[in-house]
Amino acid sequence: MMSDPVICTLLPLSPKGVVVDANGNCLDANEDELFRLTTKEGKLIVQRERMSGKKPELEPLLQFEQDPVQILDALMPLYLNSQILRSLQESLASELASRMNAMSNATDNAVELKKTLSVAYNRERQAKITSEILEIVAGAEALSYTD
C-alpha cells in the first residue's frame, strides 16, 4: 500500500479537465496549482506544479438564466461540502490503510516470536531429556559397580 497526499487549490474556482489537448494537458485550468507532499531523504518536501493555459472566452451568444453571482452562491456550499467530504473520506481511508499495515506488521512479528520461542522451548526440553538420560545412565553405572 502506498499513500500519496496531494493538496489541491480549492479557490479560485476554475473548470479543470473539461478541455485537454492531445498530450492530456489541461487547457482550461488557468493558473491552477497542484501541491504534492512527498518525502525525499527522510524530509517532507512540497512540490509545486503550475497549470497554465489559455483562458476560455465565453461566446457572446451564451446567456445565463440567472445572475452568475446567484449561481455561484448556490453552488459554493455544495462544492465546499463535497471537498470536505472527500478530504474526510481520504483521511479515513488513510487511517484504515495504516491500521492494516500495523496489523500486518504485528502478525509478522508474532509469527517470528512464535518461531523463536518454539526453538528456545525445544532446546530447553531437549537439554532436560538429555540430563535425565545422563542421570539414568549414571545410576545404572553406579549400580553395576556395586554388584
C-alpha atoms as a PDB file:
ATOM      1  CA  MET A   1       0.000   0.000   0.000  1.00  0.00           C
ATOM      2  CA  MET A   2       1.102   3.494  -0.720  1.00  0.00           C
ATOM      3  CA  SER A   3      -0.254   6.880   0.231  1.00  0.00           C
ATOM      4  CA  ASP A   4       0.499   9.916  -1.855  1.00  0.00           C
ATOM      5  CA  PRO A   5      -1.048  13.019  -0.243  1.00  0.00           C
ATOM      6  CA  VAL A   6      -1.973  15.813  -2.635  1.00  0.00           C
ATOM      7  CA  ILE A   7      -3.061  19.338  -1.762  1.00  0.00           C
ATOM      8  CA  CYS A   8      -5.318  20.891  -4.398  1.00  0.00           C
ATOM      9  CA  THR A   9      -6.315  24.528  -4.676  1.00  0.00           C
ATOM     10  CA  LEU A  10      -9.980  24.935  -3.759  1.00  0.00           C
ATOM     11  CA  LEU A  11     -10.383  28.591  -4.635  1.00  0.00           C
ATOM     12  CA  PRO A  12     -10.472  30.353  -7.038  1.00  0.00           C
ATOM     13  CA  LEU A  13     -12.746  28.017  -8.907  1.00  0.00           C
ATOM     14  CA  SER A  14     -11.684  27.018 -12.372  1.00  0.00           C
ATOM     15  CA  PRO A  15     -13.299  24.418 -14.609  1.00  0.00           C
ATOM     16  CA  LYS A  16     -10.479  21.907 -14.773  1.00  0.00           C
ATOM     17  CA  GLY A  17     -10.273  18.894 -17.024  1.00  0.00           C
ATOM     18  CA  VAL A  18     -13.019  19.754 -19.480  1.00  0.00           C
ATOM     19  CA  VAL A  19     -10.753  20.623 -22.408  1.00  0.00           C
ATOM     20  CA  VAL A  20      -7.457  18.766 -22.873  1.00  0.00           C
ATOM     21  CA  ASP A  21      -5.001  18.671 -25.753  1.00  0.00           C
ATOM     22  CA  ALA A  22      -3.554  15.567 -27.433  1.00  0.00           C
ATOM     23  CA  ASN A  23      -0.904  15.221 -24.705  1.00  0.00           C
ATOM     24  CA  GLY A  24      -3.501  15.254 -21.936  1.00  0.00           C
ATOM     25  CA  ASN A  25      -2.580  18.761 -20.738  1.00  0.00           C
ATOM     26  CA  CYS A  26      -5.464  20.740 -19.340  1.00  0.00           C
ATOM     27  CA  LEU A  27      -6.200  23.804 -21.470  1.00  0.00           C
ATOM     28  CA  ASP A  28      -8.996  25.277 -19.408  1.00  0.00           C
ATOM     29  CA  ALA A  29      -7.355  25.485 -15.975  1.00  0.00           C
ATOM     30  CA  ASN A  30      -5.773  28.932 -15.805  1.00  0.00           C
ATOM     31  CA  GLU A  31      -3.060  29.395 -13.202  1.00  0.00           C
ATOM     32  CA  ASP A  32      -4.191  26.297 -11.340  1.00  0.00           C
ATOM     33  CA  GLU A  33      -1.683  24.960  -8.821  1.00  0.00           C
ATOM     34  CA  LEU A  34      -1.081  21.419  -7.672  1.00  0.00           C
ATOM     35  CA  PHE A  35       0.855  20.837  -4.440  1.00  0.00           C
ATOM     36  CA  ARG A  36       2.257  17.342  -3.935  1.00  0.00           C
ATOM     37  CA  LEU A  37       3.543  16.436  -0.455  1.00  0.00           C
ATOM     38  CA  THR A  38       6.350  13.861  -0.736  1.00  0.00           C
ATOM     39  CA  THR A  39       9.419  12.731   1.170  1.00  0.00           C
ATOM     40  CA  LYS A  40      12.984  12.900  -0.030  1.00  0.00           C
ATOM     41  CA  GLU A  41      15.874  11.593   2.071  1.00  0.00           C
ATOM     42  CA  GLY A  42      13.600  11.423   5.118  1.00  0.00           C
ATOM     43  CA  LYS A  43      12.388  15.037   4.866  1.00  0.00           C
ATOM     44  CA  LEU A  44       8.978  16.305   3.809  1.00  0.00           C
ATOM     45  CA  ILE A  45       9.014  18.257   0.559  1.00  0.00           C
ATOM     46  CA  VAL A  46       6.199  20.174  -1.122  1.00  0.00           C
ATOM     47  CA  GLN A  47       6.411  20.021  -4.892  1.00  0.00           C
ATOM     48  CA  ARG A  48       4.539  22.838  -6.594  1.00  0.00           C
ATOM     49  CA  GLU A  49       3.226  22.467 -10.107  1.00  0.00           C
ATOM     50  CA  ARG A  50       1.536  25.281 -12.035  1.00  0.00           C
ATOM     51  CA  MET A  51      -1.065  24.540 -14.618  1.00  0.00           C
ATOM     52  CA  SER A  52      -1.290  27.293 -17.189  1.00  0.00           C
ATOM     53  CA  GLY A  53      -3.210  27.620 -20.382  1.00  0.00           C
ATOM     54  CA  LYS A  54      -5.289  29.955 -22.472  1.00  0.00           C
ATOM     55  CA  LYS A  55      -8.349  31.481 -20.883  1.00  0.00           C
ATOM     56  CA  PRO A  56     -11.517  30.199 -22.456  1.00  0.00           C
ATOM     57  CA  GLU A  57     -13.696  33.020 -23.625  1.00  0.00           C
ATOM     58  CA  LEU A  58     -17.452  32.986 -23.307  1.00  0.00           C
ATOM     59  CA  GLU A  59     -19.282  33.097 -26.574  1.00  0.00           C
ATOM     60  CA  PRO A  60     -21.395  36.210 -26.965  1.00  0.00           C
ATOM     61  CA  LEU A  61     -24.447  34.069 -27.743  1.00  0.00           C
ATOM     62  CA  LEU A  62     -24.283  32.347 -24.364  1.00  0.00           C
ATOM     63  CA  GLN A  63     -26.924  33.620 -21.946  1.00  0.00           C
ATOM     64  CA  PHE A  64     -27.394  32.817 -18.299  1.00  0.00           C
ATOM     65  CA  GLU A  65     -30.879  32.443 -16.937  1.00  0.00           C
ATOM     66  CA  GLN A  66     -29.750  33.686 -13.540  1.00  0.00           C
ATOM     67  CA  ASP A  67     -27.068  36.071 -12.485  1.00  0.00           C
ATOM     68  CA  PRO A  68     -23.654  34.301 -12.275  1.00  0.00           C
ATOM     69  CA  VAL A  69     -23.303  35.523  -8.683  1.00  0.00           C
ATOM     70  CA  GLN A  70     -26.535  33.751  -7.730  1.00  0.00           C
ATOM     71  CA  ILE A  71     -25.370  30.570  -9.430  1.00  0.00           C
ATOM     72  CA  LEU A  72     -22.022  30.762  -7.638  1.00  0.00           C
ATOM     73  CA  ASP A  73     -23.758  31.424  -4.288  1.00  0.00           C
ATOM     74  CA  ALA A  74     -25.888  28.316  -4.818  1.00  0.00           C
ATOM     75  CA  LEU A  75     -23.019  26.078  -5.933  1.00  0.00           C
ATOM     76  CA  MET A  76     -20.325  27.215  -3.482  1.00  0.00           C
ATOM     77  CA  PRO A  77     -21.745  25.449  -0.373  1.00  0.00           C
ATOM     78  CA  LEU A  78     -22.241  22.245  -2.376  1.00  0.00           C
ATOM     79  CA  TYR A  79     -18.728  22.444  -3.750  1.00  0.00           C
ATOM     80  CA  LEU A  80     -17.147  23.072  -0.352  1.00  0.00           C
ATOM     81  CA  ASN A  81     -19.223  20.297   1.245  1.00  0.00           C
ATOM     82  CA  SER A  82     -18.090  17.838  -1.409  1.00  0.00           C
ATOM     83  CA  GLN A  83     -14.439  18.858  -0.980  1.00  0.00           C
ATOM     84  CA  ILE A  84     -14.646  18.484   2.812  1.00  0.00           C
ATOM     85  CA  LEU A  85     -16.385  15.115   2.452  1.00  0.00           C
ATOM     86  CA  ARG A  86     -13.710  13.927   0.013  1.00  0.00           C
ATOM     87  CA  SER A  87     -10.982  15.039   2.433  1.00  0.00           C
ATOM     88  CA  LEU A  88     -12.656  13.183   5.304  1.00  0.00           C
ATOM     89  CA  GLN A  89     -13.051  10.050   3.194  1.00  0.00           C
ATOM     90  CA  GLU A  90      -9.392  10.161   2.165  1.00  0.00           C
ATOM     91  CA  SER A  91      -8.397  10.671   5.799  1.00  0.00           C
ATOM     92  CA  LEU A  92     -10.460   7.657   6.878  1.00  0.00           C
ATOM     93  CA  ALA A  93      -9.033   5.528   4.069  1.00  0.00           C
ATOM     94  CA  SER A  94      -5.516   6.570   5.078  1.00  0.00           C
ATOM     95  CA  GLU A  95      -6.200   5.669   8.714  1.00  0.00           C
ATOM     96  CA  LEU A  96      -7.586   2.270   7.753  1.00  0.00           C
ATOM     97  CA  ALA A  97      -4.599   1.600   5.491  1.00  0.00           C
ATOM     98  CA  SER A  98      -2.252   2.493   8.362  1.00  0.00           C
ATOM     99  CA  ARG A  99      -4.136   0.167  10.697  1.00  0.00           C
ATOM    100  CA  MET A 100      -3.985  -2.660   8.171  1.00  0.00           C
ATOM    101  CA  ASN A 101      -0.251  -2.083   7.781  1.00  0.00           C
ATOM    102  CA  ALA A 102       0.242  -2.085  11.570  1.00  0.00           C
ATOM    103  CA  MET A 103      -1.772  -5.304  11.977  1.00  0.00           C
ATOM    104  CA  SER A 104       0.204  -6.957   9.185  1.00  0.00           C
ATOM    105  CA  ASN A 105       3.460  -5.993  10.903  1.00  0.00           C
ATOM    106  CA  ALA A 106       2.122  -7.259  14.248  1.00  0.00           C
ATOM    107  CA  THR A 107       1.160 -10.588  12.658  1.00  0.00           C
ATOM    108  CA  ASP A 108       4.604 -10.952  11.098  1.00  0.00           C
ATOM    109  CA  ASN A 109       6.240 -10.153  14.459  1.00  0.00           C
ATOM    110  CA  ALA A 110       4.007 -12.679  16.255  1.00  0.00           C
ATOM    111  CA  VAL A 111       4.927 -15.415  13.762  1.00  0.00           C
ATOM    112  CA  GLU A 112       8.626 -14.644  14.232  1.00  0.00           C
ATOM    113  CA  LEU A 113       8.226 -14.593  18.027  1.00  0.00           C
ATOM    114  CA  LYS A 114       6.407 -17.950  17.922  1.00  0.00           C
ATOM    115  CA  LYS A 115       9.214 -19.450  15.885  1.00  0.00           C
ATOM    116  CA  THR A 116      11.892 -18.086  18.239  1.00  0.00           C
ATOM    117  CA  LEU A 117      10.059 -19.245  21.360  1.00  0.00           C
ATOM    118  CA  SER A 118       9.412 -22.665  19.848  1.00  0.00           C
ATOM    119  CA  VAL A 119      13.124 -23.139  19.128  1.00  0.00           C
ATOM    120  CA  ALA A 120      14.043 -21.991  22.664  1.00  0.00           C
ATOM    121  CA  TYR A 121      11.414 -24.303  24.211  1.00  0.00           C
ATOM    122  CA  ASN A 122      12.620 -27.282  22.146  1.00  0.00           C
ATOM    123  CA  ARG A 123      16.246 -26.653  23.145  1.00  0.00           C
ATOM    124  CA  GLU A 124      15.300 -26.476  26.823  1.00  0.00           C
ATOM    125  CA  ARG A 125      13.177 -29.641  26.553  1.00  0.00           C
ATOM    126  CA  GLN A 126      15.996 -31.459  24.749  1.00  0.00           C
ATOM    127  CA  ALA A 127      18.503 -30.371  27.430  1.00  0.00           C
ATOM    128  CA  LYS A 128      16.172 -31.644  30.185  1.00  0.00           C
ATOM    129  CA  ILE A 129      15.692 -35.000  28.408  1.00  0.00           C
ATOM    130  CA  THR A 130      19.433 -35.325  27.898  1.00  0.00           C
ATOM    131  CA  SER A 131      20.149 -34.604  31.578  1.00  0.00           C
ATOM    132  CA  GLU A 132      17.539 -37.192  32.672  1.00  0.00           C
ATOM    133  CA  ILE A 133      19.075 -39.807  30.363  1.00  0.00           C
ATOM    134  CA  LEU A 134      22.526 -38.992  31.788  1.00  0.00           C
ATOM    135  CA  GLU A 135      21.175 -39.407  35.340  1.00  0.00           C
ATOM    136  CA  ILE A 136      19.631 -42.787  34.449  1.00  0.00           C
ATOM    137  CA  VAL A 137      22.855 -43.978  32.797  1.00  0.00           C
ATOM    138  CA  ALA A 138      24.936 -42.711  35.738  1.00  0.00           C
ATOM    139  CA  GLY A 139      22.588 -44.522  38.162  1.00  0.00           C
ATOM    140  CA  ALA A 140      22.850 -47.737  36.131  1.00  0.00           C
ATOM    141  CA  GLU A 141      26.660 -47.402  36.083  1.00  0.00           C
ATOM    142  CA  ALA A 142      26.680 -46.879  39.850  1.00  0.00           C
ATOM    143  CA  LEU A 143      24.538 -49.992  40.354  1.00  0.00           C
ATOM    144  CA  SER A 144      26.794 -52.039  38.104  1.00  0.00           C
ATOM    145  CA  TYR A 145      29.856 -51.121  40.222  1.00  0.00           C
ATOM    146  CA  THR A 146      28.150 -52.105  43.473  1.00  0.00           C
ATOM    147  CA  ASP A 147      27.210 -55.557  42.212  1.00  0.00           C
END
